[in-house]
Amino acid sequence: MIANFVAGLMQTAVRIRRERDESKRREEERNRKAQERAQLQKDIQEEEQRLEQLNKSIECWERADRMRRFITAYAEKSCSWPVENQAQRSAWIEWANQQADRIDPLVNKKPVSVLDRKRELSWW
């Protein structure tokens, strides 16, 4: 009887160990899947942010392009204005080109503008 009892204990111990191993494996699998989901969520969020930035850049580039086309048309139309208006015209064309450069994502060195200081007003 002792031999049967010991054999039963051994079988029970083996079964318990297998169940623990299986439980541990399932838990590790759940953790792995949770990490994969978290990484996927992070990757999706980063990709959405990159796409949003791309779309903003395209919008700014198109806006700058429209501005430059308008400036060119303005320069062509206004070249026949009286001589006394030419200094004002040239100054406006220079200023307008700077504004287009400020929003163009392809312009590396942005012109400085008083508008860059706008947020300082909230500090006062």
PDB file of N, CA and C in Angstrom:
ATOM      1  N   MET A   1       0.813  -1.200   0.000  1.00  0.00           N
ATOM      2  CA  MET A   1       0.000   0.000   0.000  1.00  0.00           C
ATOM      3  C   MET A   1       0.859   1.267   0.000  1.00  0.00           C
ATOM      4  N   ILE A   2       1.954   1.215   0.696  1.00  0.00           N
ATOM      5  CA  ILE A   2       2.834   2.386   0.747  1.00  0.00           C
ATOM      6  C   ILE A   2       3.364   2.693  -0.648  1.00  0.00           C
ATOM      7  N   ALA A   3       3.699   1.637  -1.396  1.00  0.00           N
ATOM      8  CA  ALA A   3       4.217   1.831  -2.748  1.00  0.00           C
ATOM      9  C   ALA A   3       3.157   2.501  -3.629  1.00  0.00           C
ATOM     10  N   ASN A   4       1.920   2.063  -3.508  1.00  0.00           N
ATOM     11  CA  ASN A   4       0.832   2.680  -4.282  1.00  0.00           C
ATOM     12  C   ASN A   4       0.612   4.136  -3.860  1.00  0.00           C
ATOM     13  N   PHE A   5       0.706   4.360  -2.549  1.00  0.00           N
ATOM     14  CA  PHE A   5       0.537   5.717  -2.029  1.00  0.00           C
ATOM     15  C   PHE A   5       1.643   6.637  -2.562  1.00  0.00           C
ATOM     16  N   VAL A   6       2.891   6.170  -2.490  1.00  0.00           N
ATOM     17  CA  VAL A   6       4.040   6.946  -2.977  1.00  0.00           C
ATOM     18  C   VAL A   6       3.895   7.181  -4.479  1.00  0.00           C
ATOM     19  N   ALA A   7       3.475   6.157  -5.216  1.00  0.00           N
ATOM     20  CA  ALA A   7       3.279   6.296  -6.659  1.00  0.00           C
ATOM     21  C   ALA A   7       2.193   7.336  -6.942  1.00  0.00           C
ATOM     22  N   GLY A   8       1.132   7.309  -6.153  1.00  0.00           N
ATOM     23  CA  GLY A   8       0.046   8.286  -6.310  1.00  0.00           C
ATOM     24  C   GLY A   8       0.539   9.700  -6.008  1.00  0.00           C
ATOM     25  N   LEU A   9       1.362   9.826  -4.937  1.00  0.00           N
ATOM     26  CA  LEU A   9       1.935  11.134  -4.617  1.00  0.00           C
ATOM     27  C   LEU A   9       2.814  11.639  -5.760  1.00  0.00           C
ATOM     28  N   MET A  10       3.603  10.746  -6.336  1.00  0.00           N
ATOM     29  CA  MET A  10       4.489  11.098  -7.440  1.00  0.00           C
ATOM     30  C   MET A  10       3.657  11.555  -8.650  1.00  0.00           C
ATOM     31  N   GLN A  11       2.612  10.815  -8.946  1.00  0.00           N
ATOM     32  CA  GLN A  11       1.759  11.173 -10.074  1.00  0.00           C
ATOM     33  C   GLN A  11       1.098  12.543  -9.834  1.00  0.00           C
ATOM     34  N   THR A  12       0.636  12.734  -8.608  1.00  0.00           N
ATOM     35  CA  THR A  12       0.006  14.014  -8.252  1.00  0.00           C
ATOM     36  C   THR A  12       1.021  15.155  -8.368  1.00  0.00           C
ATOM     37  N   ALA A  13       2.235  14.904  -7.864  1.00  0.00           N
ATOM     38  CA  ALA A  13       3.282  15.921  -7.938  1.00  0.00           C
ATOM     39  C   ALA A  13       3.617  16.258  -9.393  1.00  0.00           C
ATOM     40  N   VAL A  14       3.706  15.222 -10.238  1.00  0.00           N
ATOM     41  CA  VAL A  14       3.992  15.438 -11.657  1.00  0.00           C
ATOM     42  C   VAL A  14       2.862  16.225 -12.309  1.00  0.00           C
ATOM     43  N   ARG A  15       1.616  15.871 -12.006  1.00  0.00           N
ATOM     44  CA  ARG A  15       0.451  16.562 -12.565  1.00  0.00           C
ATOM     45  C   ARG A  15       0.430  18.021 -12.106  1.00  0.00           C
ATOM     46  N   ILE A  16       0.682  18.250 -10.828  1.00  0.00           N
ATOM     47  CA  ILE A  16       0.696  19.620 -10.295  1.00  0.00           C
ATOM     48  C   ILE A  16       1.802  20.436 -10.971  1.00  0.00           C
ATOM     49  N   ARG A  17       2.954  19.813 -11.133  1.00  0.00           N
ATOM     50  CA  ARG A  17       4.068  20.509 -11.781  1.00  0.00           C
ATOM     51  C   ARG A  17       3.721  20.847 -13.235  1.00  0.00           C
ATOM     52  N   ARG A  18       3.110  19.904 -13.944  1.00  0.00           N
ATOM     53  CA  ARG A  18       2.698  20.163 -15.332  1.00  0.00           C
ATOM     54  C   ARG A  18       1.675  21.296 -15.382  1.00  0.00           C
ATOM     55  N   GLU A  19       0.722  21.283 -14.455  1.00  0.00           N
ATOM     56  CA  GLU A  19      -0.291  22.341 -14.424  1.00  0.00           C
ATOM     57  C   GLU A  19       0.355  23.696 -14.140  1.00  0.00           C
ATOM     58  N   ARG A  20       1.308  23.739 -13.214  1.00  0.00           N
ATOM     59  CA  ARG A  20       2.020  24.985 -12.914  1.00  0.00           C
ATOM     60  C   ARG A  20       2.823  25.452 -14.130  1.00  0.00           C
ATOM     61  N   ASP A  21       3.507  24.522 -14.780  1.00  0.00           N
ATOM     62  CA  ASP A  21       4.282  24.862 -15.976  1.00  0.00           C
ATOM     63  C   ASP A  21       3.360  25.395 -17.069  1.00  0.00           C
ATOM     64  N   GLU A  22       2.217  24.734 -17.247  1.00  0.00           N
ATOM     65  CA  GLU A  22       1.264  25.172 -18.263  1.00  0.00           C
ATOM     66  C   GLU A  22       0.691  26.539 -17.893  1.00  0.00           C
ATOM     67  N   SER A  23       0.390  26.740 -16.630  1.00  0.00           N
ATOM     68  CA  SER A  23      -0.128  28.023 -16.165  1.00  0.00           C
ATOM     69  C   SER A  23       0.918  29.119 -16.377  1.00  0.00           C
ATOM     70  N   LYS A  24       2.158  28.803 -16.068  1.00  0.00           N
ATOM     71  CA  LYS A  24       3.243  29.765 -16.263  1.00  0.00           C
ATOM     72  C   LYS A  24       3.414  30.085 -17.749  1.00  0.00           C
ATOM     73  N   ARG A  25       3.326  29.066 -18.597  1.00  0.00           N
ATOM     74  CA  ARG A  25       3.457  29.266 -20.036  1.00  0.00           C
ATOM     75  C   ARG A  25       2.332  30.160 -20.556  1.00  0.00           C
ATOM     76  N   ARG A  26       1.089  29.897 -20.088  1.00  0.00           N
ATOM     77  CA  ARG A  26      -0.051  30.716 -20.503  1.00  0.00           C
ATOM     78  C   ARG A  26       0.118  32.172 -20.047  1.00  0.00           C
ATOM     79  N   GLU A  27       0.590  32.340 -18.817  1.00  0.00           N
ATOM     80  CA  GLU A  27       0.826  33.694 -18.299  1.00  0.00           C
ATOM     81  C   GLU A  27       1.899  34.419 -19.115  1.00  0.00           C
ATOM     82  N   GLU A  28       2.968  33.726 -19.439  1.00  0.00           N
ATOM     83  CA  GLU A  28       4.019  34.313 -20.275  1.00  0.00           C
ATOM     84  C   GLU A  28       3.484  34.671 -21.651  1.00  0.00           C
ATOM     85  N   GLU A  29       2.632  33.821 -22.195  1.00  0.00           N
ATOM     86  CA  GLU A  29       2.018  34.075 -23.498  1.00  0.00           C
ATOM     87  C   GLU A  29       1.109  35.306 -23.422  1.00  0.00           C
ATOM     88  N   ARG A  30       0.317  35.416 -22.346  1.00  0.00           N
ATOM     89  CA  ARG A  30      -0.539  36.597 -22.156  1.00  0.00           C
ATOM     90  C   ARG A  30       0.318  37.859 -22.056  1.00  0.00           C
ATOM     91  N   ASN A  31       1.406  37.784 -21.307  1.00  0.00           N
ATOM     92  CA  ASN A  31       2.301  38.940 -21.160  1.00  0.00           C
ATOM     93  C   ASN A  31       2.930  39.321 -22.499  1.00  0.00           C
ATOM     94  N   ARG A  32       3.356  38.308 -23.254  1.00  0.00           N
ATOM     95  CA  ARG A  32       3.965  38.561 -24.559  1.00  0.00           C
ATOM     96  C   ARG A  32       2.960  39.243 -25.491  1.00  0.00           C
ATOM     97  N   LYS A  33       1.720  38.728 -25.504  1.00  0.00           N
ATOM     98  CA  LYS A  33       0.686  39.311 -26.348  1.00  0.00           C
ATOM     99  C   LYS A  33       0.344  40.731 -25.902  1.00  0.00           C
ATOM    100  N   ALA A  34       0.328  40.957 -24.591  1.00  0.00           N
ATOM    101  CA  ALA A  34       0.054  42.302 -24.074  1.00  0.00           C
ATOM    102  C   ALA A  34       1.168  43.263 -24.497  1.00  0.00           C
ATOM    103  N   GLN A  35       2.408  42.805 -24.449  1.00  0.00           N
ATOM    104  CA  GLN A  35       3.527  43.639 -24.889  1.00  0.00           C
ATOM    105  C   GLN A  35       3.440  43.907 -26.390  1.00  0.00           C
ATOM    106  N   GLU A  36       3.070  42.894 -27.156  1.00  0.00           N
ATOM    107  CA  GLU A  36       2.914  43.076 -28.604  1.00  0.00           C
ATOM    108  C   GLU A  36       1.812  44.089 -28.902  1.00  0.00           C
ATOM    109  N   ARG A  37       0.691  43.988 -28.177  1.00  0.00           N
ATOM    110  CA  ARG A  37      -0.410  44.935 -28.368  1.00  0.00           C
ATOM    111  C   ARG A  37       0.042  46.349 -28.001  1.00  0.00           C
ATOM    112  N   ALA A  38       0.750  46.480 -26.882  1.00  0.00           N
ATOM    113  CA  ALA A  38       1.227  47.792 -26.456  1.00  0.00           C
ATOM    114  C   ALA A  38       2.194  48.373 -27.493  1.00  0.00           C
ATOM    115  N   GLN A  39       3.078  47.543 -28.018  1.00  0.00           N
ATOM    116  CA  GLN A  39       4.027  48.011 -29.036  1.00  0.00           C
ATOM    117  C   GLN A  39       3.293  48.387 -30.311  1.00  0.00           C
ATOM    118  N   LEU A  40       2.312  47.586 -30.693  1.00  0.00           N
ATOM    119  CA  LEU A  40       1.520  47.878 -31.884  1.00  0.00           C
ATOM    120  C   LEU A  40       0.782  49.204 -31.719  1.00  0.00           C
ATOM    121  N   GLN A  41       0.199  49.399 -30.550  1.00  0.00           N
ATOM    122  CA  GLN A  41      -0.517  50.643 -30.276  1.00  0.00           C
ATOM    123  C   GLN A  41       0.449  51.828 -30.360  1.00  0.00           C
ATOM    124  N   LYS A  42       1.638  51.682 -29.796  1.00  0.00           N
ATOM    125  CA  LYS A  42       2.648  52.739 -29.845  1.00  0.00           C
ATOM    126  C   LYS A  42       3.073  53.002 -31.286  1.00  0.00           C
ATOM    127  N   ASP A  43       3.308  51.942 -32.067  1.00  0.00           N
ATOM    128  CA  ASP A  43       3.710  52.080 -33.468  1.00  0.00           C
ATOM    129  C   ASP A  43       2.621  52.782 -34.279  1.00  0.00           C
ATOM    130  N   ILE A  44       1.374  52.417 -34.042  1.00  0.00           N
ATOM    131  CA  ILE A  44       0.254  53.040 -34.758  1.00  0.00           C
ATOM    132  C   ILE A  44       0.169  54.517 -34.403  1.00  0.00           C
ATOM    133  N   GLN A  45       0.288  54.834 -33.125  1.00  0.00           N
ATOM    134  CA  GLN A  45       0.215  56.226 -32.678  1.00  0.00           C
ATOM    135  C   GLN A  45       1.350  57.051 -33.293  1.00  0.00           C
ATOM    136  N   GLU A  46       2.559  56.502 -33.304  1.00  0.00           N
ATOM    137  CA  GLU A  46       3.692  57.209 -33.903  1.00  0.00           C
ATOM    138  C   GLU A  46       3.481  57.411 -35.400  1.00  0.00           C
ATOM    139  N   GLU A  47       2.962  56.394 -36.077  1.00  0.00           N
ATOM    140  CA  GLU A  47       2.717  56.500 -37.518  1.00  0.00           C
ATOM    141  C   GLU A  47       1.634  57.531 -37.806  1.00  0.00           C
ATOM    142  N   GLU A  48       0.588  57.560 -36.979  1.00  0.00           N
ATOM    143  CA  GLU A  48      -0.464  58.554 -37.152  1.00  0.00           C
ATOM    144  C   GLU A  48       0.090  59.964 -36.954  1.00  0.00           C
ATOM    145  N   GLN A  49       0.972  60.141 -35.971  1.00  0.00           N
ATOM    146  CA  GLN A  49       1.580  61.448 -35.726  1.00  0.00           C
ATOM    147  C   GLN A  49       2.468  61.861 -36.903  1.00  0.00           C
ATOM    148  N   ARG A  50       3.229  60.914 -37.438  1.00  0.00           N
ATOM    149  CA  ARG A  50       4.078  61.213 -38.592  1.00  0.00           C
ATOM    150  C   ARG A  50       3.226  61.599 -39.802  1.00  0.00           C
ATOM    151  N   LEU A  51       2.130  60.866 -40.007  1.00  0.00           N
ATOM    152  CA  LEU A  51       1.235  61.162 -41.124  1.00  0.00           C
ATOM    153  C   LEU A  51       0.570  62.530 -40.939  1.00  0.00           C
ATOM    154  N   GLU A  52       0.161  62.826 -39.718  1.00  0.00           N
ATOM    155  CA  GLU A  52      -0.445  64.125 -39.433  1.00  0.00           C
ATOM    156  C   GLU A  52       0.563  65.250 -39.714  1.00  0.00           C
ATOM    157  N   GLN A  53       1.810  65.043 -39.301  1.00  0.00           N
ATOM    158  CA  GLN A  53       2.844  66.050 -39.553  1.00  0.00           C
ATOM    159  C   GLN A  53       3.093  66.198 -41.053  1.00  0.00           C
ATOM    160  N   LEU A  54       3.100  65.089 -41.774  1.00  0.00           N
ATOM    161  CA  LEU A  54       3.269  65.140 -43.232  1.00  0.00           C
ATOM    162  C   LEU A  54       2.147  65.950 -43.868  1.00  0.00           C
ATOM    163  N   ASN A  55       0.912  65.674 -43.452  1.00  0.00           N
ATOM    164  CA  ASN A  55      -0.229  66.405 -44.005  1.00  0.00           C
ATOM    165  C   ASN A  55      -0.147  67.896 -43.682  1.00  0.00           C
ATOM    166  N   LYS A  56       0.278  68.242 -42.469  1.00  0.00           N
ATOM    167  CA  LYS A  56       0.449  69.652 -42.107  1.00  0.00           C
ATOM    168  C   LYS A  56       1.532  70.294 -42.966  1.00  0.00           C
ATOM    169  N   SER A  57       2.620  69.559 -43.184  1.00  0.00           N
ATOM    170  CA  SER A  57       3.707  70.085 -44.014  1.00  0.00           C
ATOM    171  C   SER A  57       3.231  70.330 -45.442  1.00  0.00           C
ATOM    172  N   ILE A  58       2.449  69.392 -45.963  1.00  0.00           N
ATOM    173  CA  ILE A  58       1.914  69.548 -47.328  1.00  0.00           C
ATOM    174  C   ILE A  58       1.013  70.781 -47.393  1.00  0.00           C
ATOM    175  N   GLU A  59       0.146  70.937 -46.403  1.00  0.00           N
ATOM    176  CA  GLU A  59      -0.748  72.100 -46.384  1.00  0.00           C
ATOM    177  C   GLU A  59       0.048  73.401 -46.328  1.00  0.00           C
ATOM    178  N   CYS A  60       1.069  73.443 -45.492  1.00  0.00           N
ATOM    179  CA  CYS A  60       1.893  74.646 -45.383  1.00  0.00           C
ATOM    180  C   CYS A  60       2.655  74.904 -46.679  1.00  0.00           C
ATOM    181  N   TRP A  61       3.180  73.855 -47.273  1.00  0.00           N
ATOM    182  CA  TRP A  61       3.920  73.999 -48.530  1.00  0.00           C
ATOM    183  C   TRP A  61       3.005  74.516 -49.639  1.00  0.00           C
ATOM    184  N   GLU A  62       1.790  73.955 -49.724  1.00  0.00           N
ATOM    185  CA  GLU A  62       0.828  74.408 -50.734  1.00  0.00           C
ATOM    186  C   GLU A  62       0.428  75.862 -50.483  1.00  0.00           C
ATOM    187  N   ARG A  63       0.253  76.214 -49.229  1.00  0.00           N
ATOM    188  CA  ARG A  63      -0.114  77.595 -48.882  1.00  0.00           C
ATOM    189  C   ARG A  63       1.017  78.551 -49.262  1.00  0.00           C
ATOM    190  N   ALA A  64       2.257  78.160 -48.960  1.00  0.00           N
ATOM    191  CA  ALA A  64       3.413  78.987 -49.326  1.00  0.00           C
ATOM    192  C   ALA A  64       3.506  79.113 -50.845  1.00  0.00           C
ATOM    193  N   ASP A  65       3.250  78.032 -51.544  1.00  0.00           N
ATOM    194  CA  ASP A  65       3.285  78.061 -53.009  1.00  0.00           C
ATOM    195  C   ASP A  65       2.221  79.012 -53.557  1.00  0.00           C
ATOM    196  N   ARG A  66       1.005  78.956 -53.000  1.00  0.00           N
ATOM    197  CA  ARG A  66      -0.067  79.871 -53.423  1.00  0.00           C
ATOM    198  C   ARG A  66       0.324  81.324 -53.147  1.00  0.00           C
ATOM    199  N   MET A  67       0.926  81.535 -51.985  1.00  0.00           N
ATOM    200  CA  MET A  67       1.360  82.890 -51.636  1.00  0.00           C
ATOM    201  C   MET A  67       2.391  83.389 -52.648  1.00  0.00           C
ATOM    202  N   ARG A  68       3.350  82.551 -52.987  1.00  0.00           N
ATOM    203  CA  ARG A  68       4.393  82.956 -53.929  1.00  0.00           C
ATOM    204  C   ARG A  68       3.811  83.230 -55.327  1.00  0.00           C
ATOM    205  N   ARG A  69       2.845  82.444 -55.728  1.00  0.00           N
ATOM    206  CA  ARG A  69       2.207  82.698 -57.020  1.00  0.00           C
ATOM    207  C   ARG A  69       1.460  84.028 -56.997  1.00  0.00           C
ATOM    208  N   PHE A  70       0.802  84.309 -55.880  1.00  0.00           N
ATOM    209  CA  PHE A  70       0.118  85.594 -55.746  1.00  0.00           C
ATOM    210  C   PHE A  70       1.133  86.737 -55.757  1.00  0.00           C
ATOM    211  N   ILE A  71       2.222  86.570 -55.036  1.00  0.00           N
ATOM    212  CA  ILE A  71       3.260  87.609 -54.977  1.00  0.00           C
ATOM    213  C   ILE A  71       3.821  87.876 -56.372  1.00  0.00           C
ATOM    214  N   THR A  72       4.049  86.809 -57.119  1.00  0.00           N
ATOM    215  CA  THR A  72       4.536  86.956 -58.496  1.00  0.00           C
ATOM    216  C   THR A  72       3.526  87.721 -59.348  1.00  0.00           C
ATOM    217  N   ALA A  73       2.262  87.372 -59.234  1.00  0.00           N
ATOM    218  CA  ALA A  73       1.215  88.067 -59.990  1.00  0.00           C
ATOM    219  C   ALA A  73       1.144  89.531 -59.559  1.00  0.00           C
ATOM    220  N   TYR A  74       1.243  89.770 -58.262  1.00  0.00           N
ATOM    221  CA  TYR A  74       1.228  91.140 -57.740  1.00  0.00           C
ATOM    222  C   TYR A  74       2.405  91.927 -58.303  1.00  0.00           C
ATOM    223  N   ALA A  75       3.597  91.306 -58.297  1.00  0.00           N
ATOM    224  CA  ALA A  75       4.796  91.985 -58.804  1.00  0.00           C
ATOM    225  C   ALA A  75       4.641  92.325 -60.280  1.00  0.00           C
ATOM    226  N   GLU A  76       4.080  91.396 -61.052  1.00  0.00           N
ATOM    227  CA  GLU A  76       3.885  91.637 -62.485  1.00  0.00           C
ATOM    228  C   GLU A  76       2.876  92.768 -62.726  1.00  0.00           C
ATOM    229  N   LYS A  77       1.781  92.750 -61.990  1.00  0.00           N
ATOM    230  CA  LYS A  77       0.729  93.758 -62.173  1.00  0.00           C
ATOM    231  C   LYS A  77       1.161  95.136 -61.675  1.00  0.00           C
ATOM    232  N   SER A  78       1.933  95.146 -60.607  1.00  0.00           N
ATOM    233  CA  SER A  78       2.274  96.424 -59.978  1.00  0.00           C
ATOM    234  C   SER A  78       3.520  97.077 -60.560  1.00  0.00           C
ATOM    235  N   CYS A  79       4.201  96.423 -61.470  1.00  0.00           N
ATOM    236  CA  CYS A  79       5.425  97.003 -62.030  1.00  0.00           C
ATOM    237  C   CYS A  79       5.130  98.263 -62.853  1.00  0.00           C
ATOM    238  N   SER A  80       3.904  98.413 -63.283  1.00  0.00           N
ATOM    239  CA  SER A  80       3.533  99.599 -64.064  1.00  0.00           C
ATOM    240  C   SER A  80       3.011 100.728 -63.176  1.00  0.00           C
ATOM    241  N   TRP A  81       3.038 100.554 -61.894  1.00  0.00           N
ATOM    242  CA  TRP A  81       2.566 101.597 -60.980  1.00  0.00           C
ATOM    243  C   TRP A  81       3.505 102.797 -61.038  1.00  0.00           C
ATOM    244  N   PRO A  82       3.026 103.904 -60.559  1.00  0.00           N
ATOM    245  CA  PRO A  82       3.875 105.104 -60.556  1.00  0.00           C
ATOM    246  C   PRO A  82       5.172 104.869 -59.769  1.00  0.00           C
ATOM    247  N   VAL A  83       6.204 105.554 -60.163  1.00  0.00           N
ATOM    248  CA  VAL A  83       7.535 105.390 -59.562  1.00  0.00           C
ATOM    249  C   VAL A  83       7.500 105.645 -58.065  1.00  0.00           C
ATOM    250  N   GLU A  84       6.723 106.599 -57.627  1.00  0.00           N
ATOM    251  CA  GLU A  84       6.678 106.919 -56.189  1.00  0.00           C
ATOM    252  C   GLU A  84       6.129 105.761 -55.345  1.00  0.00           C
ATOM    253  N   ASN A  85       5.431 104.807 -55.955  1.00  0.00           N
ATOM    254  CA  ASN A  85       4.895 103.651 -55.233  1.00  0.00           C
ATOM    255  C   ASN A  85       5.831 102.439 -55.271  1.00  0.00           C
ATOM    256  N   GLN A  86       6.895 102.511 -56.030  1.00  0.00           N
ATOM    257  CA  GLN A  86       7.764 101.350 -56.231  1.00  0.00           C
ATOM    258  C   GLN A  86       8.503 100.924 -54.952  1.00  0.00           C
ATOM    259  N   ALA A  87       8.904 101.860 -54.126  1.00  0.00           N
ATOM    260  CA  ALA A  87       9.602 101.499 -52.881  1.00  0.00           C
ATOM    261  C   ALA A  87       8.651 100.733 -51.959  1.00  0.00           C
ATOM    262  N   GLN A  88       7.444 101.230 -51.858  1.00  0.00           N
ATOM    263  CA  GLN A  88       6.435 100.551 -51.033  1.00  0.00           C
ATOM    264  C   GLN A  88       6.126  99.178 -51.617  1.00  0.00           C
ATOM    265  N   ARG A  89       6.009  99.092 -52.927  1.00  0.00           N
ATOM    266  CA  ARG A  89       5.746  97.827 -53.621  1.00  0.00           C
ATOM    267  C   ARG A  89       6.862  96.827 -53.361  1.00  0.00           C
ATOM    268  N   SER A  90       8.098  97.249 -53.514  1.00  0.00           N
ATOM    269  CA  SER A  90       9.247  96.360 -53.292  1.00  0.00           C
ATOM    270  C   SER A  90       9.313  95.878 -51.847  1.00  0.00           C
ATOM    271  N   ALA A  91       9.047  96.783 -50.923  1.00  0.00           N
ATOM    272  CA  ALA A  91       9.060  96.409 -49.498  1.00  0.00           C
ATOM    273  C   ALA A  91       7.982  95.372 -49.212  1.00  0.00           C
ATOM    274  N   TRP A  92       6.797  95.569 -49.795  1.00  0.00           N
ATOM    275  CA  TRP A  92       5.719  94.608 -49.573  1.00  0.00           C
ATOM    276  C   TRP A  92       6.060  93.255 -50.172  1.00  0.00           C
ATOM    277  N   ILE A  93       6.637  93.242 -51.365  1.00  0.00           N
ATOM    278  CA  ILE A  93       7.016  91.982 -52.009  1.00  0.00           C
ATOM    279  C   ILE A  93       8.045  91.246 -51.163  1.00  0.00           C
ATOM    280  N   GLU A  94       9.011  91.965 -50.634  1.00  0.00           N
ATOM    281  CA  GLU A  94      10.025  91.327 -49.765  1.00  0.00           C
ATOM    282  C   GLU A  94       9.366  90.759 -48.514  1.00  0.00           C
ATOM    283  N   TRP A  95       8.502  91.545 -47.879  1.00  0.00           N
ATOM    284  CA  TRP A  95       7.807  91.091 -46.675  1.00  0.00           C
ATOM    285  C   TRP A  95       6.947  89.858 -46.978  1.00  0.00           C
ATOM    286  N   ALA A  96       6.204  89.898 -48.071  1.00  0.00           N
ATOM    287  CA  ALA A  96       5.318  88.787 -48.425  1.00  0.00           C
ATOM    288  C   ALA A  96       6.122  87.514 -48.699  1.00  0.00           C
ATOM    289  N   ASN A  97       7.256  87.647 -49.368  1.00  0.00           N
ATOM    290  CA  ASN A  97       8.114  86.468 -49.601  1.00  0.00           C
ATOM    291  C   ASN A  97       8.635  85.895 -48.288  1.00  0.00           C
ATOM    292  N   GLN A  98       8.938  86.770 -47.347  1.00  0.00           N
ATOM    293  CA  GLN A  98       9.375  86.293 -46.033  1.00  0.00           C
ATOM    294  C   GLN A  98       8.255  85.516 -45.335  1.00  0.00           C
ATOM    295  N   GLN A  99       7.025  85.979 -45.490  1.00  0.00           N
ATOM    296  CA  GLN A  99       5.894  85.277 -44.871  1.00  0.00           C
ATOM    297  C   GLN A  99       5.718  83.902 -45.497  1.00  0.00           C
ATOM    298  N   ALA A 100       5.898  83.816 -46.804  1.00  0.00           N
ATOM    299  CA  ALA A 100       5.807  82.516 -47.475  1.00  0.00           C
ATOM    300  C   ALA A 100       6.927  81.598 -46.985  1.00  0.00           C
ATOM    301  N   ASP A 101       8.125  82.146 -46.829  1.00  0.00           N
ATOM    302  CA  ASP A 101       9.251  81.345 -46.333  1.00  0.00           C
ATOM    303  C   ASP A 101       9.021  80.866 -44.902  1.00  0.00           C
ATOM    304  N   ARG A 102       8.339  81.670 -44.097  1.00  0.00           N
ATOM    305  CA  ARG A 102       8.087  81.295 -42.703  1.00  0.00           C
ATOM    306  C   ARG A 102       7.218  80.039 -42.593  1.00  0.00           C
ATOM    307  N   ILE A 103       6.287  79.866 -43.522  1.00  0.00           N
ATOM    308  CA  ILE A 103       5.390  78.710 -43.412  1.00  0.00           C
ATOM    309  C   ILE A 103       5.817  77.533 -44.276  1.00  0.00           C
ATOM    310  N   ASP A 104       6.782  77.745 -45.163  1.00  0.00           N
ATOM    311  CA  ASP A 104       7.230  76.689 -46.075  1.00  0.00           C
ATOM    312  C   ASP A 104       8.113  75.687 -45.331  1.00  0.00           C
ATOM    313  N   PRO A 105       7.685  74.422 -45.241  1.00  0.00           N
ATOM    314  CA  PRO A 105       8.491  73.433 -44.506  1.00  0.00           C
ATOM    315  C   PRO A 105       9.799  73.081 -45.221  1.00  0.00           C
ATOM    316  N   LEU A 106       9.934  73.483 -46.478  1.00  0.00           N
ATOM    317  CA  LEU A 106      11.155  73.183 -47.230  1.00  0.00           C
ATOM    318  C   LEU A 106      12.212  74.278 -47.089  1.00  0.00           C
ATOM    319  N   VAL A 107      11.853  75.384 -46.455  1.00  0.00           N
ATOM    320  CA  VAL A 107      12.820  76.457 -46.200  1.00  0.00           C
ATOM    321  C   VAL A 107      13.483  76.164 -44.870  1.00  0.00           C
ATOM    322  N   ASN A 108      14.786  76.009 -44.924  1.00  0.00           N
ATOM    323  CA  ASN A 108      15.532  75.608 -43.730  1.00  0.00           C
ATOM    324  C   ASN A 108      15.680  76.757 -42.730  1.00  0.00           C
ATOM    325  N   LYS A 109      16.086  77.919 -43.203  1.00  0.00           N
ATOM    326  CA  LYS A 109      16.286  79.061 -42.313  1.00  0.00           C
ATOM    327  C   LYS A 109      15.092  79.993 -42.443  1.00  0.00           C
ATOM    328  N   LYS A 110      14.278  80.015 -41.414  1.00  0.00           N
ATOM    329  CA  LYS A 110      13.059  80.816 -41.428  1.00  0.00           C
ATOM    330  C   LYS A 110      13.381  82.269 -41.082  1.00  0.00           C
ATOM    331  N   PRO A 111      12.773  83.224 -41.822  1.00  0.00           N
ATOM    332  CA  PRO A 111      12.946  84.633 -41.486  1.00  0.00           C
ATOM    333  C   PRO A 111      12.312  84.935 -40.129  1.00  0.00           C
ATOM    334  N   VAL A 112      12.895  85.839 -39.416  1.00  0.00           N
ATOM    335  CA  VAL A 112      12.383  86.249 -38.109  1.00  0.00           C
ATOM    336  C   VAL A 112      11.220  87.205 -38.324  1.00  0.00           C
ATOM    337  N   SER A 113      10.228  87.094 -37.458  1.00  0.00           N
ATOM    338  CA  SER A 113       9.057  87.957 -37.538  1.00  0.00           C
ATOM    339  C   SER A 113       8.634  88.359 -36.133  1.00  0.00           C
ATOM    340  N   VAL A 114       8.021  89.504 -36.026  1.00  0.00           N
ATOM    341  CA  VAL A 114       7.475  89.930 -34.741  1.00  0.00           C
ATOM    342  C   VAL A 114       6.413  88.935 -34.270  1.00  0.00           C
ATOM    343  N   LEU A 115       5.791  88.229 -35.192  1.00  0.00           N
ATOM    344  CA  LEU A 115       4.779  87.230 -34.823  1.00  0.00           C
ATOM    345  C   LEU A 115       5.375  86.095 -33.998  1.00  0.00           C
ATOM    346  N   ASP A 116       6.682  85.888 -34.127  1.00  0.00           N
ATOM    347  CA  ASP A 116       7.345  84.856 -33.325  1.00  0.00           C
ATOM    348  C   ASP A 116       7.313  85.199 -31.838  1.00  0.00           C
ATOM    349  N   ARG A 117       7.079  86.444 -31.529  1.00  0.00           N
ATOM    350  CA  ARG A 117       7.071  86.892 -30.128  1.00  0.00           C
ATOM    351  C   ARG A 117       5.666  86.939 -29.543  1.00  0.00           C
ATOM    352  N   LYS A 118       4.695  86.494 -30.291  1.00  0.00           N
ATOM    353  CA  LYS A 118       3.291  86.583 -29.875  1.00  0.00           C
ATOM    354  C   LYS A 118       3.040  85.948 -28.507  1.00  0.00           C
ATOM    355  N   ARG A 119       3.667  84.800 -28.256  1.00  0.00           N
ATOM    356  CA  ARG A 119       3.416  84.098 -26.980  1.00  0.00           C
ATOM    357  C   ARG A 119       3.976  84.866 -25.783  1.00  0.00           C
ATOM    358  N   GLU A 120       4.857  85.839 -26.013  1.00  0.00           N
ATOM    359  CA  GLU A 120       5.393  86.645 -24.907  1.00  0.00           C
ATOM    360  C   GLU A 120       4.297  87.454 -24.239  1.00  0.00           C
ATOM    361  N   LEU A 121       3.248  87.788 -24.969  1.00  0.00           N
ATOM    362  CA  LEU A 121       2.158  88.584 -24.399  1.00  0.00           C
ATOM    363  C   LEU A 121       1.475  87.873 -23.250  1.00  0.00           C
ATOM    364  N   SER A 122       1.446  86.556 -23.282  1.00  0.00           N
ATOM    365  CA  SER A 122       0.783  85.816 -22.204  1.00  0.00           C
ATOM    366  C   SER A 122       1.641  85.802 -20.944  1.00  0.00           C
ATOM    367  N   TRP A 123       2.904  86.111 -21.056  1.00  0.00           N
ATOM    368  CA  TRP A 123       3.793  86.127 -19.882  1.00  0.00           C
ATOM    369  C   TRP A 123       3.626  87.397 -19.063  1.00  0.00           C
ATOM    370  N   TRP A 124       3.125  88.471 -19.685  1.00  0.00           N
ATOM    371  CA  TRP A 124       3.019  89.748 -18.992  1.00  0.00           C
ATOM    372  C   TRP A 124       1.754  89.843 -18.231  1.00  0.00           C
TER     373      TRP A 124
END
